[in-house]
């Protein structure tokens, strides 16, 4: 999920987009209006129906909405995140060794 550019994305309800905030650029429109992920910052991104966002360490997400069946993992900083019913928000890194 690192690298690449996608501009002019028209994300409709039910469309899946799985991205990270690390070293990529995505911009377009969703039901909130304009959104972007650039230079380690995700702004006004709305996730739904299986979409996912990973906020990498030393990056941030601003005004994210997680609708039903969306997932977001935050290893960085986020502000204004709204989690709706049946969405999953993971804060921090999971440790598979349990330590």
PDB file of N, CA and C in Angstrom:
ATOM      1  N   UNK A   1       0.809  -1.190   0.000  1.00  0.00           N
ATOM      2  CA  UNK A   1       0.000   0.000   0.000  1.00  0.00           C
ATOM      3  C   UNK A   1       0.855   1.257   0.000  1.00  0.00           C
ATOM      4  N   UNK A   2       2.104   1.151  -0.321  1.00  0.00           N
ATOM      5  CA  UNK A   2       2.963   2.322  -0.368  1.00  0.00           C
ATOM      6  C   UNK A   2       3.227   2.700  -1.817  1.00  0.00           C
ATOM      7  N   UNK A   3       3.277   3.987  -2.089  1.00  0.00           N
ATOM      8  CA  UNK A   3       3.576   4.474  -3.424  1.00  0.00           C
ATOM      9  C   UNK A   3       2.351   4.512  -4.307  1.00  0.00           C
ATOM     10  N   UNK A   4       2.429   5.296  -5.381  1.00  0.00           N
ATOM     11  CA  UNK A   4       1.341   5.371  -6.341  1.00  0.00           C
ATOM     12  C   UNK A   4       0.569   6.665  -6.237  1.00  0.00           C
ATOM     13  N   UNK A   5      -0.170   6.958  -7.311  1.00  0.00           N
ATOM     14  CA  UNK A   5      -0.985   8.166  -7.383  1.00  0.00           C
ATOM     15  C   UNK A   5      -2.307   7.834  -8.048  1.00  0.00           C
ATOM     16  N   UNK A   6      -3.401   8.308  -7.467  1.00  0.00           N
ATOM     17  CA  UNK A   6      -4.734   8.187  -8.074  1.00  0.00           C
ATOM     18  C   UNK A   6      -5.450   9.505  -7.836  1.00  0.00           C
ATOM     19  N   UNK A   7      -5.743  10.235  -8.900  1.00  0.00           N
ATOM     20  CA  UNK A   7      -6.429  11.515  -8.762  1.00  0.00           C
ATOM     21  C   UNK A   7      -7.753  11.469  -9.510  1.00  0.00           C
ATOM     22  N   UNK A   8      -8.673  12.315  -9.115  1.00  0.00           N
ATOM     23  CA  UNK A   8      -9.984  12.346  -9.756  1.00  0.00           C
ATOM     24  C   UNK A   8     -10.860  11.163  -9.395  1.00  0.00           C
ATOM     25  N   UNK A   9     -10.592  10.513  -8.270  1.00  0.00           N
ATOM     26  CA  UNK A   9     -11.374   9.358  -7.827  1.00  0.00           C
ATOM     27  C   UNK A   9     -12.772   9.827  -7.431  1.00  0.00           C
ATOM     28  N   UNK A  10     -13.793   9.167  -7.939  1.00  0.00           N
ATOM     29  CA  UNK A  10     -15.186   9.464  -7.585  1.00  0.00           C
ATOM     30  C   UNK A  10     -15.703   8.281  -6.784  1.00  0.00           C
ATOM     31  N   UNK A  11     -15.526   8.336  -5.455  1.00  0.00           N
ATOM     32  CA  UNK A  11     -15.893   7.209  -4.590  1.00  0.00           C
ATOM     33  C   UNK A  11     -17.359   7.315  -4.201  1.00  0.00           C
ATOM     34  N   UNK A  12     -18.140   6.380  -4.695  1.00  0.00           N
ATOM     35  CA  UNK A  12     -19.569   6.312  -4.388  1.00  0.00           C
ATOM     36  C   UNK A  12     -19.793   5.383  -3.196  1.00  0.00           C
ATOM     37  N   UNK A  13     -20.951   5.494  -2.576  1.00  0.00           N
ATOM     38  CA  UNK A  13     -21.317   4.607  -1.471  1.00  0.00           C
ATOM     39  C   UNK A  13     -21.217   3.162  -1.946  1.00  0.00           C
ATOM     40  N   UNK A  14     -20.579   2.325  -1.144  1.00  0.00           N
ATOM     41  CA  UNK A  14     -20.415   0.917  -1.480  1.00  0.00           C
ATOM     42  C   UNK A  14     -19.139   0.613  -2.239  1.00  0.00           C
ATOM     43  N   UNK A  15     -18.478   1.635  -2.766  1.00  0.00           N
ATOM     44  CA  UNK A  15     -17.210   1.418  -3.463  1.00  0.00           C
ATOM     45  C   UNK A  15     -16.095   1.194  -2.460  1.00  0.00           C
ATOM     46  N   UNK A  16     -15.218   0.230  -2.727  1.00  0.00           N
ATOM     47  CA  UNK A  16     -14.138  -0.093  -1.792  1.00  0.00           C
ATOM     48  C   UNK A  16     -12.832   0.538  -2.241  1.00  0.00           C
ATOM     49  N   UNK A  17     -12.150   1.161  -1.288  1.00  0.00           N
ATOM     50  CA  UNK A  17     -10.831   1.736  -1.507  1.00  0.00           C
ATOM     51  C   UNK A  17     -10.029   1.433  -0.255  1.00  0.00           C
ATOM     52  N   UNK A  18      -8.915   0.735  -0.414  1.00  0.00           N
ATOM     53  CA  UNK A  18      -8.080   0.352   0.724  1.00  0.00           C
ATOM     54  C   UNK A  18      -6.728   1.027   0.535  1.00  0.00           C
ATOM     55  N   UNK A  19      -6.382   1.943   1.446  1.00  0.00           N
ATOM     56  CA  UNK A  19      -5.178   2.759   1.294  1.00  0.00           C
ATOM     57  C   UNK A  19      -4.481   2.979   2.634  1.00  0.00           C
ATOM     58  N   UNK A  20      -3.257   3.495   2.557  1.00  0.00           N
ATOM     59  CA  UNK A  20      -2.546   3.943   3.754  1.00  0.00           C
ATOM     60  C   UNK A  20      -2.119   5.392   3.535  1.00  0.00           C
ATOM     61  N   UNK A  21      -1.687   6.034   4.596  1.00  0.00           N
ATOM     62  CA  UNK A  21      -1.234   7.425   4.504  1.00  0.00           C
ATOM     63  C   UNK A  21       0.250   7.510   4.190  1.00  0.00           C
ATOM     64  N   UNK A  22       0.865   6.389   3.872  1.00  0.00           N
ATOM     65  CA  UNK A  22       2.307   6.344   3.683  1.00  0.00           C
ATOM     66  C   UNK A  22       2.689   6.377   2.205  1.00  0.00           C
ATOM     67  N   UNK A  23       3.312   7.449   1.776  1.00  0.00           N
ATOM     68  CA  UNK A  23       3.946   7.545   0.456  1.00  0.00           C
ATOM     69  C   UNK A  23       3.014   7.283  -0.715  1.00  0.00           C
ATOM     70  N   UNK A  24       1.842   7.883  -0.694  1.00  0.00           N
ATOM     71  CA  UNK A  24       0.966   7.802  -1.849  1.00  0.00           C
ATOM     72  C   UNK A  24       0.125   9.051  -1.931  1.00  0.00           C
ATOM     73  N   UNK A  25      -0.524   9.229  -3.073  1.00  0.00           N
ATOM     74  CA  UNK A  25      -1.408  10.378  -3.248  1.00  0.00           C
ATOM     75  C   UNK A  25      -2.714   9.906  -3.862  1.00  0.00           C
ATOM     76  N   UNK A  26      -3.806  10.216  -3.175  1.00  0.00           N
ATOM     77  CA  UNK A  26      -5.146   9.900  -3.667  1.00  0.00           C
ATOM     78  C   UNK A  26      -6.004  11.135  -3.443  1.00  0.00           C
ATOM     79  N   UNK A  27      -6.780  11.523  -4.446  1.00  0.00           N
ATOM     80  CA  UNK A  27      -7.696  12.646  -4.255  1.00  0.00           C
ATOM     81  C   UNK A  27      -8.927  12.442  -5.113  1.00  0.00           C
ATOM     82  N   UNK A  28     -10.023  13.039  -4.673  1.00  0.00           N
ATOM     83  CA  UNK A  28     -11.265  12.926  -5.418  1.00  0.00           C
ATOM     84  C   UNK A  28     -12.438  13.407  -4.600  1.00  0.00           C
ATOM     85  N   UNK A  29     -13.611  12.843  -4.893  1.00  0.00           N
ATOM     86  CA  UNK A  29     -14.830  13.229  -4.190  1.00  0.00           C
ATOM     87  C   UNK A  29     -15.497  12.012  -3.577  1.00  0.00           C
ATOM     88  N   UNK A  30     -16.197  12.252  -2.476  1.00  0.00           N
ATOM     89  CA  UNK A  30     -17.055  11.257  -1.851  1.00  0.00           C
ATOM     90  C   UNK A  30     -18.288  12.007  -1.352  1.00  0.00           C
ATOM     91  N   UNK A  31     -19.117  11.377  -0.542  1.00  0.00           N
ATOM     92  CA  UNK A  31     -20.353  12.028  -0.099  1.00  0.00           C
ATOM     93  C   UNK A  31     -20.095  13.255   0.786  1.00  0.00           C
ATOM     94  N   UNK A  32     -18.870  13.392   1.339  1.00  0.00           N
ATOM     95  CA  UNK A  32     -18.506  14.560   2.150  1.00  0.00           C
ATOM     96  C   UNK A  32     -17.989  15.710   1.293  1.00  0.00           C
ATOM     97  N   UNK A  33     -17.764  15.459   0.020  1.00  0.00           N
ATOM     98  CA  UNK A  33     -17.165  16.467  -0.857  1.00  0.00           C
ATOM     99  C   UNK A  33     -15.776  16.027  -1.282  1.00  0.00           C
ATOM    100  N   UNK A  34     -14.833  16.952  -1.280  1.00  0.00           N
ATOM    101  CA  UNK A  34     -13.454  16.657  -1.679  1.00  0.00           C
ATOM    102  C   UNK A  34     -12.711  15.924  -0.562  1.00  0.00           C
ATOM    103  N   UNK A  35     -11.908  14.919  -0.936  1.00  0.00           N
ATOM    104  CA  UNK A  35     -11.030  14.256   0.021  1.00  0.00           C
ATOM    105  C   UNK A  35      -9.644  14.148  -0.597  1.00  0.00           C
ATOM    106  N   UNK A  36      -8.651  13.969   0.264  1.00  0.00           N
ATOM    107  CA  UNK A  36      -7.292  13.780  -0.238  1.00  0.00           C
ATOM    108  C   UNK A  36      -6.460  13.007   0.774  1.00  0.00           C
ATOM    109  N   UNK A  37      -5.486  12.291   0.246  1.00  0.00           N
ATOM    110  CA  UNK A  37      -4.443  11.662   1.044  1.00  0.00           C
ATOM    111  C   UNK A  37      -3.148  12.047   0.344  1.00  0.00           C
ATOM    112  N   UNK A  38      -2.363  12.896   1.003  1.00  0.00           N
ATOM    113  CA  UNK A  38      -1.156  13.415   0.370  1.00  0.00           C
ATOM    114  C   UNK A  38      -0.174  13.848   1.446  1.00  0.00           C
ATOM    115  N   UNK A  39       1.093  13.608   1.197  1.00  0.00           N
ATOM    116  CA  UNK A  39       2.157  14.022   2.122  1.00  0.00           C
ATOM    117  C   UNK A  39       1.900  13.539   3.546  1.00  0.00           C
ATOM    118  N   UNK A  40       1.370  12.324   3.668  1.00  0.00           N
ATOM    119  CA  UNK A  40       1.148  11.736   4.985  1.00  0.00           C
ATOM    120  C   UNK A  40      -0.070  12.241   5.727  1.00  0.00           C
ATOM    121  N   UNK A  41      -0.977  12.959   5.027  1.00  0.00           N
ATOM    122  CA  UNK A  41      -2.174  13.499   5.670  1.00  0.00           C
ATOM    123  C   UNK A  41      -3.414  13.093   4.878  1.00  0.00           C
ATOM    124  N   UNK A  42      -4.349  12.448   5.558  1.00  0.00           N
ATOM    125  CA  UNK A  42      -5.652  12.109   4.984  1.00  0.00           C
ATOM    126  C   UNK A  42      -6.657  13.146   5.473  1.00  0.00           C
ATOM    127  N   UNK A  43      -7.405  13.764   4.536  1.00  0.00           N
ATOM    128  CA  UNK A  43      -8.394  14.780   4.913  1.00  0.00           C
ATOM    129  C   UNK A  43      -9.755  14.440   4.325  1.00  0.00           C
ATOM    130  N   UNK A  44     -10.788  14.505   5.178  1.00  0.00           N
ATOM    131  CA  UNK A  44     -12.191  14.341   4.757  1.00  0.00           C
ATOM    132  C   UNK A  44     -12.465  13.013   4.066  1.00  0.00           C
ATOM    133  N   UNK A  45     -11.799  11.966   4.522  1.00  0.00           N
ATOM    134  CA  UNK A  45     -11.964  10.662   3.887  1.00  0.00           C
ATOM    135  C   UNK A  45     -13.124   9.921   4.534  1.00  0.00           C
ATOM    136  N   UNK A  46     -14.008   9.370   3.729  1.00  0.00           N
ATOM    137  CA  UNK A  46     -15.139   8.581   4.215  1.00  0.00           C
ATOM    138  C   UNK A  46     -14.963   7.145   3.756  1.00  0.00           C
ATOM    139  N   UNK A  47     -15.022   6.224   4.720  1.00  0.00           N
ATOM    140  CA  UNK A  47     -14.867   4.806   4.424  1.00  0.00           C
ATOM    141  C   UNK A  47     -16.190   4.109   4.666  1.00  0.00           C
ATOM    142  N   UNK A  48     -16.526   3.159   3.805  1.00  0.00           N
ATOM    143  CA  UNK A  48     -17.732   2.366   4.014  1.00  0.00           C
ATOM    144  C   UNK A  48     -17.587   1.004   3.363  1.00  0.00           C
ATOM    145  N   UNK A  49     -18.462   0.090   3.735  1.00  0.00           N
ATOM    146  CA  UNK A  49     -18.654  -1.198   3.075  1.00  0.00           C
ATOM    147  C   UNK A  49     -17.367  -1.913   2.680  1.00  0.00           C
ATOM    148  N   UNK A  50     -16.468  -2.110   3.633  1.00  0.00           N
ATOM    149  CA  UNK A  50     -15.251  -2.863   3.363  1.00  0.00           C
ATOM    150  C   UNK A  50     -14.040  -2.014   3.030  1.00  0.00           C
ATOM    151  N   UNK A  51     -14.194  -0.705   2.945  1.00  0.00           N
ATOM    152  CA  UNK A  51     -13.038   0.164   2.705  1.00  0.00           C
ATOM    153  C   UNK A  51     -12.166   0.199   3.951  1.00  0.00           C
ATOM    154  N   UNK A  52     -10.875   0.449   3.754  1.00  0.00           N
ATOM    155  CA  UNK A  52      -9.962   0.493   4.877  1.00  0.00           C
ATOM    156  C   UNK A  52      -8.928   1.589   4.744  1.00  0.00           C
ATOM    157  N   UNK A  53      -8.491   2.110   5.882  1.00  0.00           N
ATOM    158  CA  UNK A  53      -7.446   3.129   5.925  1.00  0.00           C
ATOM    159  C   UNK A  53      -6.480   2.768   7.039  1.00  0.00           C
ATOM    160  N   UNK A  54      -5.187   2.775   6.717  1.00  0.00           N
ATOM    161  CA  UNK A  54      -4.152   2.599   7.728  1.00  0.00           C
ATOM    162  C   UNK A  54      -3.424   3.929   7.861  1.00  0.00           C
ATOM    163  N   UNK A  55      -3.505   4.519   9.041  1.00  0.00           N
ATOM    164  CA  UNK A  55      -2.800   5.764   9.332  1.00  0.00           C
ATOM    165  C   UNK A  55      -1.443   5.363   9.900  1.00  0.00           C
ATOM    166  N   UNK A  56      -0.417   5.511   9.085  1.00  0.00           N
ATOM    167  CA  UNK A  56       0.910   5.043   9.445  1.00  0.00           C
ATOM    168  C   UNK A  56       1.549   5.947  10.501  1.00  0.00           C
ATOM    169  N   UNK A  57       2.585   5.419  11.145  1.00  0.00           N
ATOM    170  CA  UNK A  57       3.348   6.175  12.130  1.00  0.00           C
ATOM    171  C   UNK A  57       3.854   7.478  11.505  1.00  0.00           C
ATOM    172  N   UNK A  58       3.825   8.560  12.245  1.00  0.00           N
ATOM    173  CA  UNK A  58       4.274   9.888  11.798  1.00  0.00           C
ATOM    174  C   UNK A  58       3.430  10.473  10.667  1.00  0.00           C
ATOM    175  N   UNK A  59       2.192   9.988  10.494  1.00  0.00           N
ATOM    176  CA  UNK A  59       1.244  10.569   9.546  1.00  0.00           C
ATOM    177  C   UNK A  59      -0.039  10.876  10.306  1.00  0.00           C
ATOM    178  N   UNK A  60      -1.038  11.449   9.616  1.00  0.00           N
ATOM    179  CA  UNK A  60      -2.268  11.787  10.334  1.00  0.00           C
ATOM    180  C   UNK A  60      -3.500  11.707   9.447  1.00  0.00           C
ATOM    181  N   UNK A  61      -4.636  11.562  10.111  1.00  0.00           N
ATOM    182  CA  UNK A  61      -5.946  11.586   9.459  1.00  0.00           C
ATOM    183  C   UNK A  61      -6.776  12.683  10.118  1.00  0.00           C
ATOM    184  N   UNK A  62      -7.471  13.463   9.287  1.00  0.00           N
ATOM    185  CA  UNK A  62      -8.286  14.575   9.774  1.00  0.00           C
ATOM    186  C   UNK A  62      -9.706  14.412   9.249  1.00  0.00           C
ATOM    187  N   UNK A  63     -10.691  14.440  10.157  1.00  0.00           N
ATOM    188  CA  UNK A  63     -12.120  14.396   9.800  1.00  0.00           C
ATOM    189  C   UNK A  63     -12.494  13.168   8.972  1.00  0.00           C
ATOM    190  N   UNK A  64     -12.146  11.995   9.494  1.00  0.00           N
ATOM    191  CA  UNK A  64     -12.469  10.726   8.843  1.00  0.00           C
ATOM    192  C   UNK A  64     -13.805  10.210   9.352  1.00  0.00           C
ATOM    193  N   UNK A  65     -14.613   9.633   8.460  1.00  0.00           N
ATOM    194  CA  UNK A  65     -15.863   8.980   8.846  1.00  0.00           C
ATOM    195  C   UNK A  65     -15.758   7.507   8.486  1.00  0.00           C
ATOM    196  N   UNK A  66     -15.995   6.648   9.476  1.00  0.00           N
ATOM    197  CA  UNK A  66     -16.054   5.215   9.247  1.00  0.00           C
ATOM    198  C   UNK A  66     -17.518   4.803   9.275  1.00  0.00           C
ATOM    199  N   UNK A  67     -18.060   4.497   8.114  1.00  0.00           N
ATOM    200  CA  UNK A  67     -19.430   4.024   8.023  1.00  0.00           C
ATOM    201  C   UNK A  67     -19.451   2.510   8.200  1.00  0.00           C
ATOM    202  N   UNK A  68     -20.615   1.938   8.082  1.00  0.00           N
ATOM    203  CA  UNK A  68     -20.821   0.512   8.309  1.00  0.00           C
ATOM    204  C   UNK A  68     -19.836  -0.353   7.521  1.00  0.00           C
ATOM    205  N   UNK A  69     -19.213  -1.303   8.218  1.00  0.00           N
ATOM    206  CA  UNK A  69     -18.292  -2.304   7.670  1.00  0.00           C
ATOM    207  C   UNK A  69     -16.974  -1.728   7.169  1.00  0.00           C
ATOM    208  N   UNK A  70     -16.595  -0.540   7.611  1.00  0.00           N
ATOM    209  CA  UNK A  70     -15.299   0.051   7.274  1.00  0.00           C
ATOM    210  C   UNK A  70     -14.314  -0.220   8.400  1.00  0.00           C
ATOM    211  N   UNK A  71     -13.017  -0.169   8.082  1.00  0.00           N
ATOM    212  CA  UNK A  71     -11.990  -0.369   9.101  1.00  0.00           C
ATOM    213  C   UNK A  71     -10.915   0.713   8.989  1.00  0.00           C
ATOM    214  N   UNK A  72     -10.403   1.101  10.143  1.00  0.00           N
ATOM    215  CA  UNK A  72      -9.295   2.055  10.188  1.00  0.00           C
ATOM    216  C   UNK A  72      -8.366   1.646  11.311  1.00  0.00           C
ATOM    217  N   UNK A  73      -7.073   1.599  11.003  1.00  0.00           N
ATOM    218  CA  UNK A  73      -6.068   1.365  12.030  1.00  0.00           C
ATOM    219  C   UNK A  73      -5.214   2.616  12.111  1.00  0.00           C
ATOM    220  N   UNK A  74      -5.066   3.161  13.304  1.00  0.00           N
ATOM    221  CA  UNK A  74      -4.282   4.378  13.484  1.00  0.00           C
ATOM    222  C   UNK A  74      -3.025   4.091  14.281  1.00  0.00           C
ATOM    223  N   UNK A  75      -1.892   4.217  13.605  1.00  0.00           N
ATOM    224  CA  UNK A  75      -0.588   4.122  14.249  1.00  0.00           C
ATOM    225  C   UNK A  75       0.019   5.509  14.393  1.00  0.00           C
ATOM    226  N   UNK A  76      -0.677   6.496  13.857  1.00  0.00           N
ATOM    227  CA  UNK A  76      -0.213   7.882  13.878  1.00  0.00           C
ATOM    228  C   UNK A  76      -1.149   8.743  14.697  1.00  0.00           C
ATOM    229  N   UNK A  77      -1.524   9.885  14.132  1.00  0.00           N
ATOM    230  CA  UNK A  77      -2.370  10.852  14.824  1.00  0.00           C
ATOM    231  C   UNK A  77      -3.656  11.028  14.027  1.00  0.00           C
ATOM    232  N   UNK A  78      -4.767  11.165  14.732  1.00  0.00           N
ATOM    233  CA  UNK A  78      -5.991  11.504  14.018  1.00  0.00           C
ATOM    234  C   UNK A  78      -6.854  12.423  14.859  1.00  0.00           C
ATOM    235  N   UNK A  79      -7.591  13.276  14.171  1.00  0.00           N
ATOM    236  CA  UNK A  79      -8.514  14.194  14.827  1.00  0.00           C
ATOM    237  C   UNK A  79      -9.825  14.198  14.062  1.00  0.00           C
ATOM    238  N   UNK A  80     -10.914  14.305  14.794  1.00  0.00           N
ATOM    239  CA  UNK A  80     -12.226  14.408  14.171  1.00  0.00           C
ATOM    240  C   UNK A  80     -12.752  13.116  13.590  1.00  0.00           C
ATOM    241  N   UNK A  81     -12.228  11.967  14.017  1.00  0.00           N
ATOM    242  CA  UNK A  81     -12.701  10.685  13.491  1.00  0.00           C
ATOM    243  C   UNK A  81     -14.064  10.350  14.074  1.00  0.00           C
ATOM    244  N   UNK A  82     -14.988   9.936  13.218  1.00  0.00           N
ATOM    245  CA  UNK A  82     -16.335   9.536  13.641  1.00  0.00           C
ATOM    246  C   UNK A  82     -16.548   8.084  13.233  1.00  0.00           C
ATOM    247  N   UNK A  83     -16.887   7.235  14.213  1.00  0.00           N
ATOM    248  CA  UNK A  83     -17.077   5.807  13.984  1.00  0.00           C
ATOM    249  C   UNK A  83     -18.562   5.485  14.091  1.00  0.00           C
ATOM    250  N   UNK A  84     -19.143   5.018  13.005  1.00  0.00           N
ATOM    251  CA  UNK A  84     -20.561   4.660  12.955  1.00  0.00           C
ATOM    252  C   UNK A  84     -20.745   3.195  13.373  1.00  0.00           C
ATOM    253  N   UNK A  85     -21.994   2.763  13.465  1.00  0.00           N
ATOM    254  CA  UNK A  85     -22.323   1.389  13.844  1.00  0.00           C
ATOM    255  C   UNK A  85     -21.670   0.393  12.886  1.00  0.00           C
ATOM    256  N   UNK A  86     -21.179  -0.710  13.431  1.00  0.00           N
ATOM    257  CA  UNK A  86     -20.587  -1.822  12.687  1.00  0.00           C
ATOM    258  C   UNK A  86     -19.298  -1.469  11.955  1.00  0.00           C
ATOM    259  N   UNK A  87     -18.637  -0.402  12.356  1.00  0.00           N
ATOM    260  CA  UNK A  87     -17.318  -0.056  11.821  1.00  0.00           C
ATOM    261  C   UNK A  87     -16.267  -0.441  12.861  1.00  0.00           C
ATOM    262  N   UNK A  88     -15.017  -0.605  12.421  1.00  0.00           N
ATOM    263  CA  UNK A  88     -13.941  -1.019  13.318  1.00  0.00           C
ATOM    264  C   UNK A  88     -12.834   0.029  13.293  1.00  0.00           C
ATOM    265  N   UNK A  89     -12.473   0.525  14.486  1.00  0.00           N
ATOM    266  CA  UNK A  89     -11.376   1.481  14.639  1.00  0.00           C
ATOM    267  C   UNK A  89     -10.349   0.864  15.575  1.00  0.00           C
ATOM    268  N   UNK A  90      -9.142   0.597  15.073  1.00  0.00           N
ATOM    269  CA  UNK A  90      -8.057   0.047  15.879  1.00  0.00           C
ATOM    270  C   UNK A  90      -7.050   1.145  16.153  1.00  0.00           C
ATOM    271  N   UNK A  91      -6.790   1.389  17.423  1.00  0.00           N
ATOM    272  CA  UNK A  91      -5.813   2.396  17.812  1.00  0.00           C
ATOM    273  C   UNK A  91      -4.546   1.700  18.267  1.00  0.00           C
ATOM    274  N   UNK A  92      -3.431   2.012  17.646  1.00  0.00           N
ATOM    275  CA  UNK A  92      -2.149   1.426  18.017  1.00  0.00           C
ATOM    276  C   UNK A  92      -1.845   0.163  17.242  1.00  0.00           C
ATOM    277  N   UNK A  93      -0.718  -0.386  17.548  1.00  0.00           N
ATOM    278  CA  UNK A  93      -0.198  -1.560  16.853  1.00  0.00           C
ATOM    279  C   UNK A  93      -0.545  -2.817  17.647  1.00  0.00           C
ATOM    280  N   UNK A  94      -1.030  -3.826  16.947  1.00  0.00           N
ATOM    281  CA  UNK A  94      -1.300  -5.089  17.634  1.00  0.00           C
ATOM    282  C   UNK A  94      -0.005  -5.885  17.708  1.00  0.00           C
ATOM    283  N   UNK A  95       0.195  -6.551  18.824  1.00  0.00           N
ATOM    284  CA  UNK A  95       1.389  -7.357  19.025  1.00  0.00           C
ATOM    285  C   UNK A  95       0.981  -8.816  19.035  1.00  0.00           C
ATOM    286  N   UNK A  96       1.403  -9.562  18.039  1.00  0.00           N
ATOM    287  CA  UNK A  96       0.968 -10.950  17.910  1.00  0.00           C
ATOM    288  C   UNK A  96       1.590 -11.867  18.947  1.00  0.00           C
ATOM    289  N   UNK A  97       2.665 -11.432  19.595  1.00  0.00           N
ATOM    290  CA  UNK A  97       3.288 -12.247  20.630  1.00  0.00           C
ATOM    291  C   UNK A  97       2.657 -12.025  21.992  1.00  0.00           C
ATOM    292  N   UNK A  98       1.767 -11.048  22.085  1.00  0.00           N
ATOM    293  CA  UNK A  98       1.094 -10.786  23.343  1.00  0.00           C
ATOM    294  C   UNK A  98       1.949 -10.078  24.371  1.00  0.00           C
ATOM    295  N   UNK A  99       3.103  -9.551  23.960  1.00  0.00           N
ATOM    296  CA  UNK A  99       3.953  -8.860  24.937  1.00  0.00           C
ATOM    297  C   UNK A  99       3.841  -7.366  24.798  1.00  0.00           C
TER     298      UNK A  99
END
